[in-house]
């Protein structure tokens, strides 16, 4: 009886740990800028309910044409407002969402010289299948695509 209870206890509490990284990285990832939009698309991953797109944007904050700050942004297909489904294998991200504001004088006002548009960006995607007892969503991202200069 004790062995059965111990086994049941271990199964319930270790099951989420066994599920880590169960979905593979999406393949066929493509990202490109069209107008003022970053368009991303990829091939479906079996078992994925939704996807997370990670964008790394680089900024030149001192005007020397060399990027000196990089910021990561995450966009999920479950947050979309374009009417498509969260399981769809593309996501359009407005480049305006990547604008960086550094409030250097801490006044809460966007002063000239405090707002920066990215000089280059790159993106990647991972598949997600959240739910009770499915474990953490530490699935692998695909490789970053090529840097896109804006």
Foldseek 3Di string as FASTA:
>chain_A
DVVVVVVVVCCLVCLQVVLEQVWAAFPPWDWDDDDQKIKIFTDATPQFQAKKKKKKFFWDLPPPPDTDDIDIDIDILCPDDPPDHRRHGMDIDGQVVVKFFDPPVPPPDRDPSRITRGQKMKMWMGGDNDDPSNHDHNHDIDDIDDIDGD
